[in-house]
Amino acid sequence: MLLPISGPASAGDAEQLVRAAQQGDPRSFTLLFELHYAGMLAVAHQILGAVPDAEDACQDAAITAFGRIGELRDPAAVRPWLHAIVRNNCRRLLRSRRPVPVGVAGETLHASELDDPVARIDRSALRDWIWHGLHQLSPAAQTVAMLRYFTENNSYEQIADLCGVPIGTVRSRLSEARRQLAEVLPRVHDERHDETAALRAERREEATTVLSAVPNGAPLNKVAARWAEDMTFSWPSGRRTTGREPVFAAMRRDYDAGVAFQVTGVVAGAGITIWENAFVNPPEDPFHCPPGGTWLLREKKGLVCEVRLLHAPRPPRPEITPPANRTSGRRTGP
């Protein structure tokens, strides 16, 4: 489980546990999760079957709930609230929908109706604590956790492609991330957390500057000053290039074709930054680029040394029905 179990809990304690957890008591959340885990797992089994993904859906729900417990207005509604999160996680697994679906008191909320999960956590009273805890994870665990919970391309297959590792490694690293969070979050509860929001804002400004450098005519050595000259870039096709110029050359080609880049999300960690962008294609060529991309930037000594890019799946092109053969009004044949 996400958190170590430290004592029994009964249904009558649930509301009190919710209130204590909302005040930042990690032990109360541990007991709350223990109390409802069997029911959460039963929901996951009903949708997914008795498979490892069912436990993953519950563990992911625990992390979501841990970050959003402060938003639960009615403590008596904690059971349907948790079940809604699990249900939407299962739907995401089945339909490849958005990450970290976050339910409310009620069980009919669909993932498509939810806004950005990062923004959700940012509105939580515990937001800086959660982000600070993520920054304490090992690089490998931190990377998969950030991709899984806070990005659009978050399936096991997509994370594996971005990280360049097998799917089984993604699963084991996510498990390790949960284990580390269970140890880290109680320990860092009273530490200073305010630097996390500043880092995300700084990295978002950087992403916007780099992705708009070509149309703005900005000097590449300035906009990508943190990118090492010998950085490696892994393209969605599997090709690898060295240096900054191939990246900006591709941006120039897209720009010349009428494509624009739009930053849609940025997540920043310790030595790791993740960008998400949308490609805005020209009306005359709506399928020039895929809908979007996810960039994984790895740093060493303050410089970006490796970038991996993953494109979002392309939508199917509409079938074009050829016009019917036209014949003259004159009858042919016998």
Protein backbone atom coordinates (compact mmCIF):
# COMPACT_ATOMS: atom_id res chain seq x y z
CA MET A 1 0.00 0.00 0.00
CA LEU A 2 0.98 3.62 -0.37
CA LEU A 3 1.36 4.24 3.35
CA PRO A 4 2.39 1.89 6.18
CA ILE A 5 -0.53 0.66 8.23
CA SER A 6 -0.17 1.53 11.88
CA GLY A 7 -3.39 0.57 13.62
CA PRO A 8 -7.02 -0.52 13.23
CA ALA A 9 -9.77 1.85 12.20
CA SER A 10 -13.56 1.55 12.15
CA ALA A 11 -16.21 3.15 9.98
CA GLY A 12 -17.25 5.37 12.88
CA ASP A 13 -13.78 6.92 12.87
CA ALA A 14 -13.85 7.89 9.19
CA GLU A 15 -15.09 11.47 9.54
CA GLN A 16 -12.67 12.19 12.35
CA LEU A 17 -9.83 10.71 10.31
CA VAL A 18 -10.76 12.89 7.33
CA ARG A 19 -10.65 16.04 9.44
CA ALA A 20 -7.32 15.07 10.97
CA ALA A 21 -5.88 14.25 7.54
CA GLN A 22 -7.06 17.63 6.25
CA GLN A 23 -5.02 19.20 9.04
CA GLY A 24 -1.93 17.45 7.67
CA ASP A 25 -1.75 14.35 9.87
CA PRO A 26 -0.25 11.58 7.67
CA ARG A 27 -1.07 8.80 10.17
CA SER A 28 -4.78 9.66 9.90
CA PHE A 29 -4.62 9.37 6.14
CA THR A 30 -2.88 6.01 6.53
CA LEU A 31 -5.75 4.73 8.67
CA LEU A 32 -8.33 6.23 6.34
CA PHE A 33 -6.77 4.48 3.38
CA GLU A 34 -6.66 1.19 5.29
CA LEU A 35 -10.33 1.52 6.18
CA HIS A 36 -11.45 1.98 2.57
CA TYR A 37 -8.83 0.03 0.61
CA ALA A 38 -10.87 -3.20 0.37
CA GLY A 39 -13.83 -1.33 -1.09
CA MET A 40 -11.58 0.59 -3.50
CA LEU A 41 -10.01 -2.65 -4.70
CA ALA A 42 -13.45 -4.23 -5.15
CA VAL A 43 -14.44 -1.33 -7.43
CA ALA A 44 -11.25 -1.78 -9.46
CA HIS A 45 -11.80 -5.54 -9.74
CA GLN A 46 -15.34 -4.99 -11.03
CA ILE A 47 -14.02 -2.82 -13.87
CA LEU A 48 -10.62 -4.32 -14.66
CA GLY A 49 -10.75 -7.80 -13.18
CA ALA A 50 -8.29 -9.26 -10.68
CA VAL A 51 -5.20 -7.97 -12.49
CA PRO A 52 -2.16 -5.92 -11.34
CA ASP A 53 -3.68 -2.82 -12.99
CA ALA A 54 -6.48 -2.93 -10.40
CA GLU A 55 -4.01 -2.49 -7.55
CA ASP A 56 -2.22 0.22 -9.55
CA ALA A 57 -5.52 2.08 -9.93
CA CYS A 58 -6.04 2.00 -6.16
CA GLN A 59 -2.48 3.08 -5.37
CA ASP A 60 -2.73 5.93 -7.87
CA ALA A 61 -6.03 6.91 -6.27
CA ALA A 62 -4.33 7.02 -2.88
CA ILE A 63 -1.73 9.49 -4.16
CA THR A 64 -4.45 11.62 -5.75
CA ALA A 65 -6.52 11.57 -2.56
CA PHE A 66 -3.45 12.31 -0.43
CA GLY A 67 -2.89 15.50 -2.40
CA ARG A 68 -6.57 16.53 -2.51
CA ILE A 69 -7.99 15.51 0.86
CA GLY A 70 -8.20 19.18 1.79
CA GLU A 71 -10.80 19.73 -0.94
CA LEU A 72 -13.29 17.18 0.42
CA ARG A 73 -16.00 19.39 1.92
CA ASP A 74 -18.17 16.64 3.41
CA PRO A 75 -16.12 14.11 5.45
CA ALA A 76 -19.09 11.74 5.42
CA ALA A 77 -18.74 11.47 1.63
CA VAL A 78 -15.19 10.11 1.72
CA ARG A 79 -16.17 6.59 0.62
CA PRO A 80 -17.92 7.59 -2.65
CA TRP A 81 -15.20 10.21 -3.20
CA LEU A 82 -12.47 7.57 -3.05
CA HIS A 83 -14.49 5.13 -5.15
CA ALA A 84 -15.01 7.84 -7.80
CA ILE A 85 -11.26 8.39 -8.05
CA VAL A 86 -10.66 4.64 -8.44
CA ARG A 87 -13.43 4.31 -10.99
CA ASN A 88 -12.05 7.12 -13.11
CA ASN A 89 -8.53 5.70 -12.84
CA CYS A 90 -9.87 2.41 -14.18
CA ARG A 91 -11.64 4.20 -17.02
CA ARG A 92 -8.41 5.95 -17.87
CA LEU A 93 -6.62 2.60 -18.02
CA LEU A 94 -9.31 1.23 -20.31
CA ARG A 95 -9.68 4.28 -22.54
CA SER A 96 -6.23 5.93 -22.27
CA ARG A 97 -7.81 9.07 -20.88
CA ARG A 98 -6.24 11.92 -18.91
CA PRO A 99 -3.98 11.23 -15.88
CA VAL A 100 -4.89 11.33 -12.25
CA PRO A 101 -8.67 11.62 -12.58
CA VAL A 102 -9.93 13.26 -9.43
CA GLY A 103 -13.48 12.58 -8.35
CA VAL A 104 -15.77 14.51 -6.04
CA ALA A 105 -18.43 13.40 -3.62
CA GLY A 106 -20.48 11.37 -6.06
CA GLU A 107 -19.74 8.51 -8.42
CA THR A 108 -20.72 9.69 -11.91
CA LEU A 109 -17.91 12.10 -12.75
CA HIS A 110 -16.14 11.33 -16.03
CA ALA A 111 -12.45 11.94 -16.59
CA SER A 112 -13.16 14.17 -19.59
CA GLU A 113 -14.91 16.64 -17.29
CA LEU A 114 -11.89 17.15 -15.07
CA ASP A 115 -9.35 19.93 -15.42
CA ASP A 116 -5.57 19.82 -15.25
CA PRO A 117 -4.47 17.52 -12.37
CA VAL A 118 -1.52 19.79 -11.60
CA ALA A 119 -3.89 22.71 -11.15
CA ARG A 120 -6.06 20.54 -8.89
CA ILE A 121 -3.15 19.74 -6.61
CA ASP A 122 -2.01 23.37 -6.71
CA ARG A 123 -5.34 24.37 -5.16
CA SER A 124 -4.93 21.89 -2.32
CA ALA A 125 -3.73 23.09 1.07
CA LEU A 126 -1.17 20.28 0.94
CA ARG A 127 0.18 21.15 -2.53
CA ASP A 128 3.67 22.31 -1.53
CA TRP A 129 4.09 19.35 0.81
CA ILE A 130 3.28 16.90 -2.00
CA TRP A 131 5.56 18.60 -4.52
CA HIS A 132 8.36 18.86 -1.97
CA GLY A 133 8.01 15.14 -1.28
CA LEU A 134 8.22 14.33 -4.99
CA HIS A 135 11.48 16.28 -5.19
CA GLN A 136 13.00 13.99 -2.57
CA LEU A 137 12.53 10.81 -4.59
CA SER A 138 15.36 9.11 -6.43
CA PRO A 139 15.71 10.38 -10.04
CA ALA A 140 14.29 7.21 -11.60
CA ALA A 141 11.29 7.06 -9.24
CA GLN A 142 10.67 10.80 -9.50
CA THR A 143 10.62 10.72 -13.30
CA VAL A 144 8.04 7.95 -13.65
CA ALA A 145 5.87 9.45 -10.88
CA MET A 146 5.84 12.86 -12.56
CA LEU A 147 5.01 11.34 -15.94
CA ARG A 148 2.35 9.04 -14.52
CA TYR A 149 0.46 11.51 -12.38
CA PHE A 150 0.97 14.90 -14.00
CA THR A 151 1.22 14.50 -17.78
CA GLU A 152 -1.04 13.66 -20.70
CA ASN A 153 1.00 10.82 -22.21
CA ASN A 154 1.01 8.67 -19.10
CA SER A 155 0.31 5.08 -20.10
CA TYR A 156 2.92 2.49 -19.15
CA GLU A 157 3.85 2.17 -22.84
CA GLN A 158 4.30 5.93 -23.29
CA ILE A 159 6.33 6.30 -20.10
CA ALA A 160 8.51 3.40 -21.21
CA ASP A 161 9.12 5.10 -24.57
CA LEU A 162 9.98 8.42 -22.94
CA CYS A 163 12.34 6.86 -20.41
CA GLY A 164 13.84 4.32 -22.79
CA VAL A 165 13.12 1.37 -20.48
CA PRO A 166 10.88 -1.75 -20.60
CA ILE A 167 7.28 -1.55 -19.36
CA GLY A 168 8.15 -3.87 -16.46
CA THR A 169 10.76 -1.37 -15.30
CA VAL A 170 8.14 1.39 -15.36
CA ARG A 171 5.89 -0.67 -13.10
CA SER A 172 8.68 -1.44 -10.64
CA ARG A 173 9.80 2.20 -10.53
CA LEU A 174 6.25 3.36 -9.85
CA SER A 175 6.03 0.88 -7.02
CA GLU A 176 9.31 2.21 -5.67
CA ALA A 177 8.03 5.79 -6.01
CA ARG A 178 5.01 4.95 -3.84
CA ARG A 179 7.24 3.27 -1.26
CA GLN A 180 9.56 6.28 -1.12
CA LEU A 181 6.64 8.71 -0.84
CA ALA A 182 5.32 6.73 2.12
CA GLU A 183 8.64 7.34 3.90
CA VAL A 184 9.32 10.86 2.66
CA LEU A 185 6.01 12.69 3.11
CA PRO A 186 5.76 12.34 6.90
CA ARG A 187 9.42 13.30 7.26
CA VAL A 188 9.23 16.52 5.21
CA HIS A 189 5.89 17.72 6.56
CA ASP A 190 7.43 20.55 8.60
CA GLU A 191 10.15 21.54 6.13
CA ARG A 192 10.13 24.64 3.96
CA HIS A 193 8.21 23.92 0.75
CA ASP A 194 7.81 27.26 -1.00
CA GLU A 195 10.57 26.80 -3.59
CA THR A 196 8.62 24.26 -5.62
CA ALA A 197 6.10 26.72 -7.11
CA ALA A 198 8.90 29.12 -8.03
CA LEU A 199 10.80 26.37 -9.84
CA ARG A 200 7.74 25.36 -11.88
CA ALA A 201 7.10 28.99 -12.86
CA GLU A 202 10.73 29.40 -13.92
CA ARG A 203 10.69 26.23 -16.00
CA ARG A 204 7.39 27.15 -17.65
CA GLU A 205 8.81 30.50 -18.72
CA GLU A 206 11.83 28.68 -20.13
CA ALA A 207 9.60 26.26 -22.10
CA THR A 208 7.59 29.13 -23.56
CA THR A 209 10.75 31.00 -24.55
CA VAL A 210 12.39 28.00 -26.25
CA LEU A 211 9.28 26.85 -28.13
CA SER A 212 8.60 30.37 -29.42
CA ALA A 213 12.25 31.15 -30.25
CA VAL A 214 12.00 30.52 -34.01
CA PRO A 215 9.00 32.77 -34.79
CA ASN A 216 10.38 35.43 -32.43
CA GLY A 217 13.81 35.33 -34.07
CA ALA A 218 15.53 34.93 -30.71
CA PRO A 219 19.23 33.91 -30.56
CA LEU A 220 19.33 30.17 -29.91
CA ASN A 221 22.38 30.40 -27.65
CA LYS A 222 20.38 32.64 -25.32
CA VAL A 223 16.99 30.94 -25.28
CA ALA A 224 18.61 27.53 -24.76
CA ALA A 225 21.43 28.72 -22.52
CA ARG A 226 20.83 25.85 -20.08
CA TRP A 227 21.10 23.25 -22.86
CA ALA A 228 24.57 21.72 -23.05
CA GLU A 229 26.24 22.03 -26.45
CA ASP A 230 26.71 18.26 -26.61
CA MET A 231 23.21 17.39 -25.37
CA THR A 232 21.59 14.33 -26.91
CA PHE A 233 18.08 14.41 -28.35
CA SER A 234 15.98 11.27 -28.83
CA TRP A 235 13.25 11.71 -31.44
CA PRO A 236 9.94 9.82 -31.53
CA SER A 237 11.23 7.86 -34.52
CA GLY A 238 14.10 6.47 -32.44
CA ARG A 239 16.72 8.68 -34.13
CA ARG A 240 19.28 10.36 -31.86
CA THR A 241 21.05 13.65 -32.57
CA THR A 242 23.65 15.68 -30.74
CA GLY A 243 23.56 19.40 -30.05
CA ARG A 244 20.86 22.07 -30.15
CA GLU A 245 20.82 22.86 -33.87
CA PRO A 246 18.91 19.73 -35.08
CA VAL A 247 16.10 20.57 -32.64
CA PHE A 248 15.74 24.14 -33.83
CA ALA A 249 16.09 23.07 -37.45
CA ALA A 250 13.00 20.87 -36.97
CA MET A 251 11.20 23.80 -35.33
CA ARG A 252 12.06 26.01 -38.30
CA ARG A 253 10.65 23.47 -40.73
CA ASP A 254 7.42 23.28 -38.75
CA TYR A 255 7.22 27.07 -38.53
CA ASP A 256 7.81 27.44 -42.28
CA ALA A 257 4.95 24.98 -42.82
CA GLY A 258 2.64 27.18 -40.74
CA VAL A 259 2.76 25.18 -37.48
CA ALA A 260 2.80 26.90 -34.08
CA PHE A 261 3.82 25.51 -30.67
CA GLN A 262 1.68 26.10 -27.58
CA VAL A 263 2.87 25.17 -24.07
CA THR A 264 0.11 23.20 -22.32
CA GLY A 265 1.88 21.97 -19.18
CA VAL A 266 5.18 22.01 -17.33
CA VAL A 267 6.27 19.87 -14.37
CA ALA A 268 9.61 20.48 -12.67
CA GLY A 269 11.56 18.24 -10.34
CA ALA A 270 15.10 17.82 -9.04
CA GLY A 271 17.16 17.65 -12.23
CA ILE A 272 14.09 16.74 -14.31
CA THR A 273 11.69 18.93 -16.28
CA ILE A 274 8.73 17.79 -18.36
CA TRP A 275 7.15 19.98 -21.01
CA GLU A 276 3.90 19.35 -22.81
CA ASN A 277 2.97 21.22 -25.97
CA ALA A 278 0.20 21.32 -28.50
CA PHE A 279 0.95 21.62 -32.20
CA VAL A 280 -1.35 24.15 -33.88
CA ASN A 281 -1.46 23.07 -37.52
CA PRO A 282 -2.40 25.40 -40.37
CA PRO A 283 -5.98 25.09 -41.66
CA GLU A 284 -4.75 23.96 -45.08
CA ASP A 285 -2.69 21.13 -43.55
CA PRO A 286 -4.46 20.03 -40.34
CA PHE A 287 -2.50 16.75 -40.10
CA HIS A 288 1.01 18.16 -40.59
CA CYS A 289 2.00 17.50 -36.95
CA PRO A 290 0.48 15.23 -34.30
CA PRO A 291 -1.79 16.86 -31.70
CA GLY A 292 0.98 17.34 -29.15
CA GLY A 293 4.26 16.27 -27.64
CA THR A 294 5.86 15.52 -24.30
CA TRP A 295 9.48 16.54 -23.68
CA LEU A 296 11.55 14.90 -20.93
CA LEU A 297 14.59 17.02 -20.04
CA ARG A 298 17.32 15.57 -17.83
CA GLU A 299 19.89 17.82 -16.20
CA LYS A 300 23.43 17.36 -14.96
CA LYS A 301 25.22 20.12 -13.04
CA GLY A 302 22.51 22.59 -13.96
CA LEU A 303 22.64 21.92 -17.72
CA VAL A 304 20.17 19.94 -19.81
CA CYS A 305 22.19 17.00 -21.08
CA GLU A 306 19.44 14.78 -22.54
CA VAL A 307 16.04 15.43 -24.08
CA ARG A 308 13.54 12.77 -25.16
CA LEU A 309 10.44 13.67 -27.17
CA LEU A 310 7.24 11.64 -27.45
CA HIS A 311 4.42 12.59 -29.81
CA ALA A 312 0.78 12.13 -28.91
CA PRO A 313 -1.02 9.59 -31.11
CA ARG A 314 -2.28 11.04 -34.36
CA PRO A 315 -6.05 11.01 -34.90
CA PRO A 316 -7.22 8.98 -37.88
CA ARG A 317 -7.52 10.93 -41.08
CA PRO A 318 -11.10 11.24 -42.30
CA GLU A 319 -11.93 8.99 -45.19
CA ILE A 320 -12.51 10.87 -48.41
CA THR A 321 -15.25 9.40 -50.55
CA PRO A 322 -14.48 9.76 -54.24
CA PRO A 323 -17.19 11.49 -56.23
CA ALA A 324 -19.63 9.23 -57.99
CA ASN A 325 -18.98 8.61 -61.70
CA ARG A 326 -21.06 10.94 -63.79
CA THR A 327 -22.50 9.89 -67.13
CA SER A 328 -24.35 11.86 -69.70
CA GLY A 329 -28.09 11.72 -69.85
CA ARG A 330 -27.84 9.76 -73.06
CA ARG A 331 -28.43 6.07 -72.59
CA THR A 332 -25.70 3.73 -73.72
CA GLY A 333 -25.92 0.06 -74.52
CA PRO A 334 -28.84 -1.89 -75.88
